[in-house]
């Protein structure tokens, strides 16, 4: 009986039977004659986008099964006292200082630095965009839109170069390392349900042939990113009713798996399921995690 109960408790959940919603996500056009409506162009992107309706599974029943090395994203419980700060500039500064030691400890890293370009951003869909009063050039503390297109923020070739550039911008000595990860963190600040939640594509469901290298021109530089083509075999997930004590961590890059794709992500409009949802407010951060 004990062995039966143990086997039952460790059995994996059938992910094809999870509850799901449907949402529109924009993808890189696969072919000129792709049967999908064209999506609006995005400033700074050299890629043609098309829109597809995607089935997005509720990941709550499988949060304990998720892995950064397999799916590319995880959900953890983490309280941050700074999230109650109302001033977005002060919030961003305090949050960055609070998260740095947490990320270093969580990943047992040798050292952790922040991303100068786009390092901490508050997205408030019902507030005006606000220029940052600290940090990198031409950044904004508050952005009033989310990225509604599937993407991985860093291509494998670009990631180490961007890491070195950000160290230079912050006058941090460039040192050798045995491993580099770019870890991105995202949490909702507004009460649930969120109208435009963040969705993740299981990295293990994305074959390399489905990814296209894209240059994204922003902050005065060109940054290499990866954009997926639409594929109905991709597995997309989201977390309904997120609270500020829940934190998504996902990999933007890992030198130990240099050419393996990471989890693509995108915001999507979920007001079909929650028509009375309040506008989403969230905070996102990016960290370079080094091992000597």
C-alpha atoms as a PDB file:
ATOM      1  CA  UNK A   1       0.000   0.000   0.000  1.00  0.00           C
ATOM      2  CA  UNK A   2       2.816   2.410   0.900  1.00  0.00           C
ATOM      3  CA  UNK A   3       4.553   1.818  -2.443  1.00  0.00           C
ATOM      4  CA  UNK A   4       1.288   2.423  -4.297  1.00  0.00           C
ATOM      5  CA  UNK A   5       0.703   5.712  -2.489  1.00  0.00           C
ATOM      6  CA  UNK A   6       4.266   6.832  -3.174  1.00  0.00           C
ATOM      7  CA  UNK A   7       3.937   6.051  -6.873  1.00  0.00           C
ATOM      8  CA  UNK A   8       0.658   7.937  -6.987  1.00  0.00           C
ATOM      9  CA  UNK A   9       2.114  11.018  -5.322  1.00  0.00           C
ATOM     10  CA  UNK A  10       4.970  11.223  -7.838  1.00  0.00           C
ATOM     11  CA  UNK A  11       2.905  10.474 -10.964  1.00  0.00           C
ATOM     12  CA  UNK A  12       3.113  13.264 -13.540  1.00  0.00           C
ATOM     13  CA  UNK A  13      -0.080  15.109 -14.371  1.00  0.00           C
ATOM     14  CA  UNK A  14      -1.481  14.652 -17.870  1.00  0.00           C
ATOM     15  CA  UNK A  15      -0.775  18.098 -19.303  1.00  0.00           C
ATOM     16  CA  UNK A  16      -3.112  17.588 -22.257  1.00  0.00           C
ATOM     17  CA  UNK A  17      -6.030  17.524 -19.799  1.00  0.00           C
ATOM     18  CA  UNK A  18      -5.231  20.814 -18.059  1.00  0.00           C
ATOM     19  CA  UNK A  19      -7.770  23.626 -18.183  1.00  0.00           C
ATOM     20  CA  UNK A  20      -6.939  26.140 -20.866  1.00  0.00           C
ATOM     21  CA  UNK A  21      -7.889  29.496 -22.299  1.00  0.00           C
ATOM     22  CA  UNK A  22      -7.346  30.805 -25.803  1.00  0.00           C
ATOM     23  CA  UNK A  23      -5.483  33.970 -26.672  1.00  0.00           C
ATOM     24  CA  UNK A  24      -3.923  35.770 -29.620  1.00  0.00           C
ATOM     25  CA  UNK A  25      -0.120  35.791 -29.763  1.00  0.00           C
ATOM     26  CA  UNK A  26       2.025  37.217 -32.552  1.00  0.00           C
ATOM     27  CA  UNK A  27       4.783  35.111 -34.121  1.00  0.00           C
ATOM     28  CA  UNK A  28       7.503  35.543 -36.727  1.00  0.00           C
ATOM     29  CA  UNK A  29       6.083  34.899 -40.180  1.00  0.00           C
ATOM     30  CA  UNK A  30       7.187  31.458 -41.391  1.00  0.00           C
ATOM     31  CA  UNK A  31       6.480  31.960 -45.089  1.00  0.00           C
ATOM     32  CA  UNK A  32       5.064  34.723 -47.313  1.00  0.00           C
ATOM     33  CA  UNK A  33       1.890  32.721 -47.873  1.00  0.00           C
ATOM     34  CA  UNK A  34       1.352  31.752 -44.205  1.00  0.00           C
ATOM     35  CA  UNK A  35      -2.379  31.518 -43.579  1.00  0.00           C
ATOM     36  CA  UNK A  36      -2.639  33.990 -40.704  1.00  0.00           C
ATOM     37  CA  UNK A  37      -3.534  37.672 -40.355  1.00  0.00           C
ATOM     38  CA  UNK A  38      -0.642  40.103 -40.354  1.00  0.00           C
ATOM     39  CA  UNK A  39       0.165  41.619 -36.963  1.00  0.00           C
ATOM     40  CA  UNK A  40       1.164  45.258 -36.500  1.00  0.00           C
ATOM     41  CA  UNK A  41       4.850  46.000 -36.965  1.00  0.00           C
ATOM     42  CA  UNK A  42       6.871  46.660 -33.814  1.00  0.00           C
ATOM     43  CA  UNK A  43       9.299  49.576 -33.707  1.00  0.00           C
ATOM     44  CA  UNK A  44      12.905  48.432 -33.798  1.00  0.00           C
ATOM     45  CA  UNK A  45      12.187  44.879 -35.015  1.00  0.00           C
ATOM     46  CA  UNK A  46      13.327  43.587 -38.394  1.00  0.00           C
ATOM     47  CA  UNK A  47      10.759  40.789 -38.576  1.00  0.00           C
ATOM     48  CA  UNK A  48       7.310  40.383 -40.104  1.00  0.00           C
ATOM     49  CA  UNK A  49       4.739  39.174 -37.554  1.00  0.00           C
ATOM     50  CA  UNK A  50       1.508  37.212 -37.896  1.00  0.00           C
ATOM     51  CA  UNK A  51      -1.198  36.562 -35.310  1.00  0.00           C
ATOM     52  CA  UNK A  52      -2.382  33.107 -34.241  1.00  0.00           C
ATOM     53  CA  UNK A  53      -4.918  31.988 -31.673  1.00  0.00           C
ATOM     54  CA  UNK A  54      -3.138  29.753 -29.182  1.00  0.00           C
ATOM     55  CA  UNK A  55      -4.337  27.295 -26.558  1.00  0.00           C
ATOM     56  CA  UNK A  56      -2.752  28.340 -23.254  1.00  0.00           C
ATOM     57  CA  UNK A  57      -2.844  25.821 -20.403  1.00  0.00           C
ATOM     58  CA  UNK A  58      -3.307  26.601 -16.721  1.00  0.00           C
ATOM     59  CA  UNK A  59       0.056  25.653 -15.174  1.00  0.00           C
ATOM     60  CA  UNK A  60      -1.060  25.758 -11.529  1.00  0.00           C
ATOM     61  CA  UNK A  61      -1.504  21.971 -11.222  1.00  0.00           C
ATOM     62  CA  UNK A  62       2.037  21.366 -12.533  1.00  0.00           C
ATOM     63  CA  UNK A  63       4.077  24.120 -10.840  1.00  0.00           C
ATOM     64  CA  UNK A  64       5.991  21.504  -8.822  1.00  0.00           C
ATOM     65  CA  UNK A  65       6.982  19.705 -12.030  1.00  0.00           C
ATOM     66  CA  UNK A  66       8.407  22.727 -13.845  1.00  0.00           C
ATOM     67  CA  UNK A  67      12.153  23.017 -14.411  1.00  0.00           C
ATOM     68  CA  UNK A  68      14.386  25.833 -15.627  1.00  0.00           C
ATOM     69  CA  UNK A  69      16.431  23.266 -17.541  1.00  0.00           C
ATOM     70  CA  UNK A  70      13.455  21.616 -19.259  1.00  0.00           C
ATOM     71  CA  UNK A  71      10.511  24.016 -19.672  1.00  0.00           C
ATOM     72  CA  UNK A  72      12.709  27.064 -19.077  1.00  0.00           C
ATOM     73  CA  UNK A  73      10.504  28.670 -16.404  1.00  0.00           C
ATOM     74  CA  UNK A  74       9.406  28.039 -12.820  1.00  0.00           C
ATOM     75  CA  UNK A  75       7.111  29.629 -10.243  1.00  0.00           C
ATOM     76  CA  UNK A  76       8.299  30.194  -6.686  1.00  0.00           C
ATOM     77  CA  UNK A  77       6.912  31.831  -3.564  1.00  0.00           C
ATOM     78  CA  UNK A  78       8.849  34.978  -2.685  1.00  0.00           C
ATOM     79  CA  UNK A  79       7.845  38.019  -0.647  1.00  0.00           C
ATOM     80  CA  UNK A  80       9.353  41.390  -1.542  1.00  0.00           C
ATOM     81  CA  UNK A  81       8.681  44.267   0.841  1.00  0.00           C
ATOM     82  CA  UNK A  82       9.451  46.854  -1.848  1.00  0.00           C
ATOM     83  CA  UNK A  83       6.401  45.972  -3.978  1.00  0.00           C
ATOM     84  CA  UNK A  84       4.179  48.138  -1.743  1.00  0.00           C
ATOM     85  CA  UNK A  85       6.111  51.262  -2.765  1.00  0.00           C
ATOM     86  CA  UNK A  86       3.853  53.590  -4.773  1.00  0.00           C
ATOM     87  CA  UNK A  87       6.518  55.729  -6.455  1.00  0.00           C
ATOM     88  CA  UNK A  88       7.671  53.680  -9.485  1.00  0.00           C
ATOM     89  CA  UNK A  89      11.226  55.057  -9.529  1.00  0.00           C
ATOM     90  CA  UNK A  90      11.746  54.310  -5.827  1.00  0.00           C
ATOM     91  CA  UNK A  91      10.037  50.926  -6.315  1.00  0.00           C
ATOM     92  CA  UNK A  92      12.441  49.993  -9.119  1.00  0.00           C
ATOM     93  CA  UNK A  93      15.527  51.004  -7.122  1.00  0.00           C
ATOM     94  CA  UNK A  94      14.428  49.244  -3.919  1.00  0.00           C
ATOM     95  CA  UNK A  95      13.283  46.159  -5.789  1.00  0.00           C
ATOM     96  CA  UNK A  96      16.581  45.813  -7.596  1.00  0.00           C
ATOM     97  CA  UNK A  97      18.554  46.054  -4.337  1.00  0.00           C
ATOM     98  CA  UNK A  98      16.209  43.544  -2.681  1.00  0.00           C
ATOM     99  CA  UNK A  99      16.358  41.026  -5.515  1.00  0.00           C
ATOM    100  CA  UNK A 100      20.126  40.985  -6.085  1.00  0.00           C
ATOM    101  CA  UNK A 101      21.060  39.065  -2.906  1.00  0.00           C
ATOM    102  CA  UNK A 102      18.028  36.808  -3.277  1.00  0.00           C
ATOM    103  CA  UNK A 103      19.003  35.748  -6.811  1.00  0.00           C
ATOM    104  CA  UNK A 104      22.623  35.175  -5.756  1.00  0.00           C
ATOM    105  CA  UNK A 105      21.522  32.986  -2.855  1.00  0.00           C
ATOM    106  CA  UNK A 106      18.801  31.135  -4.778  1.00  0.00           C
ATOM    107  CA  UNK A 107      21.199  30.092  -7.545  1.00  0.00           C
ATOM    108  CA  UNK A 108      24.215  29.699  -5.243  1.00  0.00           C
ATOM    109  CA  UNK A 109      26.087  31.949  -7.656  1.00  0.00           C
ATOM    110  CA  UNK A 110      29.574  33.393  -7.366  1.00  0.00           C
ATOM    111  CA  UNK A 111      28.274  36.838  -8.240  1.00  0.00           C
ATOM    112  CA  UNK A 112      25.206  38.516  -9.724  1.00  0.00           C
ATOM    113  CA  UNK A 113      24.929  41.801 -11.570  1.00  0.00           C
ATOM    114  CA  UNK A 114      21.954  43.622 -13.021  1.00  0.00           C
ATOM    115  CA  UNK A 115      21.205  44.382 -16.612  1.00  0.00           C
ATOM    116  CA  UNK A 116      21.866  48.013 -17.463  1.00  0.00           C
ATOM    117  CA  UNK A 117      19.696  47.893 -20.582  1.00  0.00           C
ATOM    118  CA  UNK A 118      16.111  47.145 -19.541  1.00  0.00           C
ATOM    119  CA  UNK A 119      17.121  45.878 -16.106  1.00  0.00           C
ATOM    120  CA  UNK A 120      14.050  46.790 -14.046  1.00  0.00           C
ATOM    121  CA  UNK A 121      10.754  47.762 -15.615  1.00  0.00           C
ATOM    122  CA  UNK A 122       7.314  48.392 -14.159  1.00  0.00           C
ATOM    123  CA  UNK A 123       4.532  47.743 -16.640  1.00  0.00           C
ATOM    124  CA  UNK A 124       1.312  49.524 -15.788  1.00  0.00           C
ATOM    125  CA  UNK A 125      -1.231  49.213 -18.564  1.00  0.00           C
ATOM    126  CA  UNK A 126      -3.425  52.060 -17.285  1.00  0.00           C
ATOM    127  CA  UNK A 127      -0.668  54.570 -16.431  1.00  0.00           C
ATOM    128  CA  UNK A 128       1.415  56.898 -18.549  1.00  0.00           C
ATOM    129  CA  UNK A 129       4.867  55.810 -19.601  1.00  0.00           C
ATOM    130  CA  UNK A 130       7.489  57.451 -17.400  1.00  0.00           C
ATOM    131  CA  UNK A 131      11.162  58.082 -18.098  1.00  0.00           C
ATOM    132  CA  UNK A 132      13.569  56.566 -15.627  1.00  0.00           C
ATOM    133  CA  UNK A 133      15.396  58.977 -13.348  1.00  0.00           C
ATOM    134  CA  UNK A 134      18.295  56.554 -12.754  1.00  0.00           C
ATOM    135  CA  UNK A 135      20.142  53.748 -14.488  1.00  0.00           C
ATOM    136  CA  UNK A 136      20.739  53.233 -18.181  1.00  0.00           C
ATOM    137  CA  UNK A 137      20.283  55.574 -21.096  1.00  0.00           C
ATOM    138  CA  UNK A 138      16.827  56.122 -22.629  1.00  0.00           C
ATOM    139  CA  UNK A 139      15.096  53.619 -20.357  1.00  0.00           C
ATOM    140  CA  UNK A 140      11.667  53.976 -18.833  1.00  0.00           C
ATOM    141  CA  UNK A 141      10.684  53.047 -15.314  1.00  0.00           C
ATOM    142  CA  UNK A 142       7.030  52.667 -16.303  1.00  0.00           C
ATOM    143  CA  UNK A 143       5.867  51.268 -19.621  1.00  0.00           C
ATOM    144  CA  UNK A 144       2.202  51.277 -20.474  1.00  0.00           C
ATOM    145  CA  UNK A 145       2.219  48.301 -22.826  1.00  0.00           C
ATOM    146  CA  UNK A 146       3.167  44.654 -22.726  1.00  0.00           C
ATOM    147  CA  UNK A 147       4.927  42.611 -25.397  1.00  0.00           C
ATOM    148  CA  UNK A 148       2.196  40.704 -27.213  1.00  0.00           C
ATOM    149  CA  UNK A 149       4.629  38.757 -29.387  1.00  0.00           C
ATOM    150  CA  UNK A 150       6.429  35.512 -28.641  1.00  0.00           C
ATOM    151  CA  UNK A 151      10.143  36.016 -28.127  1.00  0.00           C
ATOM    152  CA  UNK A 152      13.315  35.028 -26.303  1.00  0.00           C
ATOM    153  CA  UNK A 153      15.061  38.270 -25.336  1.00  0.00           C
ATOM    154  CA  UNK A 154      18.608  37.101 -26.107  1.00  0.00           C
ATOM    155  CA  UNK A 155      20.041  34.996 -28.901  1.00  0.00           C
ATOM    156  CA  UNK A 156      22.874  32.626 -27.895  1.00  0.00           C
ATOM    157  CA  UNK A 157      25.441  34.711 -29.784  1.00  0.00           C
ATOM    158  CA  UNK A 158      24.239  38.041 -28.378  1.00  0.00           C
ATOM    159  CA  UNK A 159      23.884  37.104 -24.704  1.00  0.00           C
ATOM    160  CA  UNK A 160      27.592  36.969 -23.678  1.00  0.00           C
ATOM    161  CA  UNK A 161      28.319  40.177 -25.626  1.00  0.00           C
ATOM    162  CA  UNK A 162      25.440  42.031 -23.969  1.00  0.00           C
ATOM    163  CA  UNK A 163      26.645  40.809 -20.568  1.00  0.00           C
ATOM    164  CA  UNK A 164      30.134  42.187 -21.214  1.00  0.00           C
ATOM    165  CA  UNK A 165      28.729  45.476 -22.519  1.00  0.00           C
ATOM    166  CA  UNK A 166      26.547  45.946 -19.452  1.00  0.00           C
ATOM    167  CA  UNK A 167      29.521  45.351 -17.180  1.00  0.00           C
ATOM    168  CA  UNK A 168      31.407  48.088 -19.023  1.00  0.00           C
ATOM    169  CA  UNK A 169      28.464  50.505 -18.762  1.00  0.00           C
ATOM    170  CA  UNK A 170      28.321  49.948 -15.007  1.00  0.00           C
ATOM    171  CA  UNK A 171      32.126  50.121 -14.547  1.00  0.00           C
ATOM    172  CA  UNK A 172      32.198  46.506 -13.380  1.00  0.00           C
ATOM    173  CA  UNK A 173      35.421  44.616 -14.007  1.00  0.00           C
ATOM    174  CA  UNK A 174      34.980  42.003 -16.747  1.00  0.00           C
ATOM    175  CA  UNK A 175      36.089  38.697 -15.273  1.00  0.00           C
ATOM    176  CA  UNK A 176      36.262  35.153 -16.540  1.00  0.00           C
ATOM    177  CA  UNK A 177      33.586  32.668 -15.589  1.00  0.00           C
ATOM    178  CA  UNK A 178      32.798  28.986 -15.963  1.00  0.00           C
ATOM    179  CA  UNK A 179      29.097  29.578 -16.514  1.00  0.00           C
ATOM    180  CA  UNK A 180      26.773  32.502 -17.247  1.00  0.00           C
ATOM    181  CA  UNK A 181      22.997  32.516 -16.970  1.00  0.00           C
ATOM    182  CA  UNK A 182      20.658  35.398 -17.726  1.00  0.00           C
ATOM    183  CA  UNK A 183      17.771  35.016 -15.311  1.00  0.00           C
ATOM    184  CA  UNK A 184      14.600  37.014 -15.785  1.00  0.00           C
ATOM    185  CA  UNK A 185      12.067  37.518 -13.000  1.00  0.00           C
ATOM    186  CA  UNK A 186       8.424  38.624 -13.346  1.00  0.00           C
ATOM    187  CA  UNK A 187       5.651  39.205 -10.838  1.00  0.00           C
ATOM    188  CA  UNK A 188       2.190  40.766 -10.956  1.00  0.00           C
ATOM    189  CA  UNK A 189       1.586  43.768  -8.714  1.00  0.00           C
ATOM    190  CA  UNK A 190      -2.100  44.291  -9.457  1.00  0.00           C
ATOM    191  CA  UNK A 191      -4.769  42.116  -7.810  1.00  0.00           C
ATOM    192  CA  UNK A 192      -6.073  39.066  -9.684  1.00  0.00           C
ATOM    193  CA  UNK A 193      -7.352  38.303 -12.170  1.00  0.00           C
ATOM    194  CA  UNK A 194      -4.870  39.900 -14.579  1.00  0.00           C
ATOM    195  CA  UNK A 195      -6.234  41.055 -17.931  1.00  0.00           C
ATOM    196  CA  UNK A 196      -2.936  40.630 -19.804  1.00  0.00           C
ATOM    197  CA  UNK A 197      -1.027  37.829 -18.041  1.00  0.00           C
ATOM    198  CA  UNK A 198       2.318  36.489 -19.146  1.00  0.00           C
ATOM    199  CA  UNK A 199       2.398  33.184 -21.037  1.00  0.00           C
ATOM    200  CA  UNK A 200       5.389  30.861 -21.474  1.00  0.00           C
ATOM    201  CA  UNK A 201       6.119  28.276 -24.110  1.00  0.00           C
ATOM    202  CA  UNK A 202       7.623  25.024 -22.840  1.00  0.00           C
ATOM    203  CA  UNK A 203      11.200  25.215 -24.173  1.00  0.00           C
ATOM    204  CA  UNK A 204      11.290  21.465 -24.739  1.00  0.00           C
ATOM    205  CA  UNK A 205       8.412  21.795 -27.222  1.00  0.00           C
ATOM    206  CA  UNK A 206      10.249  24.291 -29.476  1.00  0.00           C
ATOM    207  CA  UNK A 207      12.502  22.669 -32.104  1.00  0.00           C
ATOM    208  CA  UNK A 208      15.447  24.853 -33.197  1.00  0.00           C
ATOM    209  CA  UNK A 209      13.994  25.085 -36.718  1.00  0.00           C
ATOM    210  CA  UNK A 210      11.042  27.040 -35.297  1.00  0.00           C
ATOM    211  CA  UNK A 211      13.273  29.906 -34.125  1.00  0.00           C
ATOM    212  CA  UNK A 212      14.452  32.830 -36.212  1.00  0.00           C
ATOM    213  CA  UNK A 213      17.245  35.211 -35.253  1.00  0.00           C
ATOM    214  CA  UNK A 214      15.977  38.791 -35.064  1.00  0.00           C
ATOM    215  CA  UNK A 215      17.733  42.088 -34.415  1.00  0.00           C
ATOM    216  CA  UNK A 216      15.946  44.418 -32.020  1.00  0.00           C
ATOM    217  CA  UNK A 217      17.067  48.046 -32.136  1.00  0.00           C
ATOM    218  CA  UNK A 218      16.516  49.785 -28.812  1.00  0.00           C
ATOM    219  CA  UNK A 219      18.426  51.850 -26.267  1.00  0.00           C
ATOM    220  CA  UNK A 220      20.717  52.922 -29.089  1.00  0.00           C
ATOM    221  CA  UNK A 221      22.056  49.422 -29.832  1.00  0.00           C
ATOM    222  CA  UNK A 222      21.081  46.342 -31.825  1.00  0.00           C
ATOM    223  CA  UNK A 223      20.326  43.303 -29.658  1.00  0.00           C
ATOM    224  CA  UNK A 224      20.026  39.797 -31.079  1.00  0.00           C
ATOM    225  CA  UNK A 225      16.852  37.956 -30.024  1.00  0.00           C
ATOM    226  CA  UNK A 226      14.985  34.805 -31.016  1.00  0.00           C
ATOM    227  CA  UNK A 227      11.421  34.811 -32.335  1.00  0.00           C
ATOM    228  CA  UNK A 228       9.486  31.560 -32.836  1.00  0.00           C
ATOM    229  CA  UNK A 229       7.338  30.707 -35.787  1.00  0.00           C
ATOM    230  CA  UNK A 230       3.863  29.446 -34.925  1.00  0.00           C
ATOM    231  CA  UNK A 231       3.621  25.710 -34.425  1.00  0.00           C
ATOM    232  CA  UNK A 232       0.488  24.032 -32.987  1.00  0.00           C
ATOM    233  CA  UNK A 233       2.772  21.490 -31.273  1.00  0.00           C
ATOM    234  CA  UNK A 234       4.203  24.183 -29.004  1.00  0.00           C
ATOM    235  CA  UNK A 235       2.896  23.970 -25.425  1.00  0.00           C
ATOM    236  CA  UNK A 236       1.932  27.319 -23.886  1.00  0.00           C
ATOM    237  CA  UNK A 237       1.202  27.910 -20.179  1.00  0.00           C
ATOM    238  CA  UNK A 238       0.131  30.720 -17.876  1.00  0.00           C
ATOM    239  CA  UNK A 239      -0.755  31.214 -14.212  1.00  0.00           C
ATOM    240  CA  UNK A 240      -4.225  32.628 -13.483  1.00  0.00           C
ATOM    241  CA  UNK A 241      -4.805  34.794 -10.415  1.00  0.00           C
ATOM    242  CA  UNK A 242      -1.191  35.540  -9.608  1.00  0.00           C
ATOM    243  CA  UNK A 243      -0.421  37.426  -6.392  1.00  0.00           C
ATOM    244  CA  UNK A 244       2.562  39.707  -5.606  1.00  0.00           C
ATOM    245  CA  UNK A 245       4.101  36.908  -3.496  1.00  0.00           C
ATOM    246  CA  UNK A 246       4.430  34.672  -6.575  1.00  0.00           C
ATOM    247  CA  UNK A 247       7.488  35.054  -8.771  1.00  0.00           C
ATOM    248  CA  UNK A 248       8.200  33.679 -12.225  1.00  0.00           C
ATOM    249  CA  UNK A 249      11.854  32.915 -12.905  1.00  0.00           C
ATOM    250  CA  UNK A 250      12.882  32.066 -16.445  1.00  0.00           C
ATOM    251  CA  UNK A 251      16.103  31.669 -18.395  1.00  0.00           C
ATOM    252  CA  UNK A 252      17.069  34.120 -21.074  1.00  0.00           C
ATOM    253  CA  UNK A 253      20.373  32.335 -21.635  1.00  0.00           C
ATOM    254  CA  UNK A 254      22.586  29.598 -20.185  1.00  0.00           C
ATOM    255  CA  UNK A 255      26.161  29.067 -21.372  1.00  0.00           C
ATOM    256  CA  UNK A 256      25.976  25.425 -20.230  1.00  0.00           C
ATOM    257  CA  UNK A 257      23.360  24.869 -22.930  1.00  0.00           C
ATOM    258  CA  UNK A 258      24.588  27.516 -25.340  1.00  0.00           C
ATOM    259  CA  UNK A 259      22.572  26.592 -28.417  1.00  0.00           C
ATOM    260  CA  UNK A 260      19.502  25.159 -26.735  1.00  0.00           C
ATOM    261  CA  UNK A 261      16.438  27.407 -27.071  1.00  0.00           C
ATOM    262  CA  UNK A 262      15.010  28.959 -23.940  1.00  0.00           C
ATOM    263  CA  UNK A 263      11.386  29.504 -23.076  1.00  0.00           C
ATOM    264  CA  UNK A 264       9.679  31.991 -25.364  1.00  0.00           C
ATOM    265  CA  UNK A 265       7.151  34.241 -23.636  1.00  0.00           C
ATOM    266  CA  UNK A 266       4.458  36.761 -24.470  1.00  0.00           C
ATOM    267  CA  UNK A 267       1.677  38.727 -22.859  1.00  0.00           C
ATOM    268  CA  UNK A 268      -1.828  37.926 -24.103  1.00  0.00           C
ATOM    269  CA  UNK A 269      -5.281  39.414 -23.738  1.00  0.00           C
ATOM    270  CA  UNK A 270      -7.239  37.169 -21.347  1.00  0.00           C
ATOM    271  CA  UNK A 271     -10.352  39.350 -21.058  1.00  0.00           C
ATOM    272  CA  UNK A 272     -12.317  36.714 -22.936  1.00  0.00           C
ATOM    273  CA  UNK A 273     -12.055  34.587 -19.789  1.00  0.00           C
ATOM    274  CA  UNK A 274     -12.068  37.539 -17.334  1.00  0.00           C
ATOM    275  CA  UNK A 275     -13.997  40.418 -18.937  1.00  0.00           C
ATOM    276  CA  UNK A 276     -13.967  42.462 -15.706  1.00  0.00           C
ATOM    277  CA  UNK A 277     -10.267  42.059 -14.950  1.00  0.00           C
ATOM    278  CA  UNK A 278      -8.453  45.199 -13.837  1.00  0.00           C
ATOM    279  CA  UNK A 279      -5.492  46.492 -15.900  1.00  0.00           C
ATOM    280  CA  UNK A 280      -2.333  44.542 -15.156  1.00  0.00           C
ATOM    281  CA  UNK A 281       0.562  46.081 -13.282  1.00  0.00           C
ATOM    282  CA  UNK A 282       3.759  44.062 -13.051  1.00  0.00           C
ATOM    283  CA  UNK A 283       7.484  44.354 -12.421  1.00  0.00           C
ATOM    284  CA  UNK A 284      10.217  42.526 -14.276  1.00  0.00           C
ATOM    285  CA  UNK A 285      13.960  42.264 -13.717  1.00  0.00           C
ATOM    286  CA  UNK A 286      16.959  40.700 -15.429  1.00  0.00           C
ATOM    287  CA  UNK A 287      20.140  39.428 -13.828  1.00  0.00           C
ATOM    288  CA  UNK A 288      23.499  38.093 -14.967  1.00  0.00           C
ATOM    289  CA  UNK A 289      24.275  35.068 -12.801  1.00  0.00           C
ATOM    290  CA  UNK A 290      27.954  34.119 -12.866  1.00  0.00           C
ATOM    291  CA  UNK A 291      29.867  31.082 -11.630  1.00  0.00           C
ATOM    292  CA  UNK A 292      33.656  31.317 -11.286  1.00  0.00           C
END
